[in-house]
Protein backbone atom coordinates (compact mmCIF):
# COMPACT_ATOMS: atom_id res chain seq x y z
CA MET A 1 0.00 0.00 0.00
CA ALA A 2 1.16 3.53 -0.71
CA PHE A 3 0.15 6.57 1.32
CA PHE A 4 1.13 9.98 -0.10
CA HIS A 5 0.96 13.66 1.00
CA VAL A 6 0.99 12.76 4.67
CA THR A 7 3.28 13.73 7.52
CA LEU A 8 3.89 10.29 9.00
CA ALA A 9 3.93 9.55 12.70
CA GLY A 10 7.33 8.88 14.19
CA GLY A 11 8.43 5.26 14.27
CA LEU A 12 6.78 4.20 11.01
CA ALA A 13 9.02 2.63 8.37
CA ALA A 14 8.57 1.37 4.82
CA GLY A 15 7.30 -2.19 4.76
CA GLN A 16 6.07 -2.08 8.34
CA SER A 17 2.72 -3.72 9.08
CA VAL A 18 -0.01 -1.51 10.50
CA THR A 19 -3.31 -2.37 12.14
CA GLN A 20 -6.80 -0.97 11.73
CA GLY A 21 -7.23 2.12 13.88
CA GLN A 22 -3.48 2.71 14.27
CA TYR A 23 -2.49 6.39 14.10
CA MET A 24 -0.29 6.85 11.03
CA GLY A 25 0.04 10.63 10.73
CA TYR A 26 -1.85 13.60 9.41
CA ILE A 27 -2.61 15.25 6.08
CA SER A 28 0.23 17.66 5.30
CA GLY A 29 -0.52 21.36 5.15
CA PRO A 30 1.45 24.20 3.52
CA GLY A 31 5.17 23.51 3.84
CA GLY A 32 4.53 19.92 4.95
CA GLN A 33 5.72 16.70 3.34
CA GLY A 34 4.23 16.25 -0.11
CA PHE A 35 1.89 19.25 0.14
CA VAL A 36 0.79 20.07 -3.40
CA GLY A 37 -1.83 22.78 -3.82
CA GLY A 38 -4.20 21.72 -1.08
CA PRO A 39 -4.47 19.22 1.74
CA HIS A 40 -5.26 15.73 0.45
CA ILE A 41 -4.02 12.14 0.54
CA HIS A 42 -3.53 9.37 -1.98
CA LEU A 43 -4.03 5.75 -0.97
CA THR A 44 -3.05 2.98 -3.34
CA VAL A 45 -3.06 -0.79 -2.95
CA TRP A 46 -0.71 -2.58 -5.29
CA GLN A 47 -0.72 -6.18 -6.42
CA THR A 48 2.89 -7.18 -7.03
CA ALA A 49 4.84 -10.05 -8.46
CA ASP A 50 8.22 -8.98 -7.05
CA GLY A 51 7.58 -7.74 -3.51
CA GLY A 52 6.63 -4.23 -4.66
CA ASN A 53 9.84 -3.22 -6.36
CA TRP A 54 8.76 -2.52 -9.96
CA SER A 55 6.04 -4.99 -10.81
CA ARG A 56 3.00 -3.10 -9.44
CA ILE A 57 -0.59 -2.98 -10.56
CA ALA A 58 -2.99 -0.71 -8.66
CA VAL A 59 -6.09 -2.57 -7.46
CA PRO A 60 -9.38 -1.04 -6.30
CA PHE A 61 -10.48 -0.81 -2.68
CA THR A 62 -13.08 -3.56 -3.02
CA GLY A 63 -13.57 -6.95 -1.40
CA ILE A 64 -10.78 -7.57 1.13
CA ASN A 65 -9.35 -4.13 0.30
CA ALA A 66 -12.55 -2.23 1.24
CA ILE A 67 -12.02 0.51 3.82
CA SER A 68 -14.15 -0.17 6.92
CA GLY A 69 -16.54 -2.13 4.73
CA VAL A 70 -16.91 0.68 2.17
CA GLU A 71 -15.91 -0.22 -1.38
CA PHE A 72 -14.23 2.22 -3.76
CA PRO A 73 -14.29 0.56 -7.20
CA ASP A 74 -12.27 1.74 -10.18
CA ILE A 75 -14.68 4.01 -12.07
CA GLY A 76 -12.08 5.33 -14.50
CA GLY A 77 -10.07 8.53 -14.69
CA GLY A 78 -8.42 10.62 -12.01
CA ASN A 79 -9.97 11.88 -8.79
CA GLN A 80 -12.44 9.02 -8.92
CA HIS A 81 -13.79 9.50 -5.41
CA TYR A 82 -13.06 13.22 -5.02
CA GLY A 83 -14.75 14.74 -1.99
CA THR A 84 -15.63 11.42 -0.40
CA LEU A 85 -15.22 11.44 3.37
CA ILE A 86 -14.47 8.20 5.18
CA TYR A 87 -14.32 7.48 8.88
CA PRO A 88 -12.44 4.19 9.24
């Protein structure tokens, strides 16, 4: 999984497992890590064939990848679920 435009909580490292409800950080504001034009995040789940190095295919947040039981299918294009609020 990839998580962009976020100021991560201390102690988190690439490849580390996280659990539901675990605090991971906050959306970056002006001057923060990855801040680009306005506060937002990107979440991506990748299916890989090589441990996530280069062979990555983004998969939708459906089925076992649903967020707190809410599915976010691939509906095509960018900003597919723009403005959607979730409370995991």
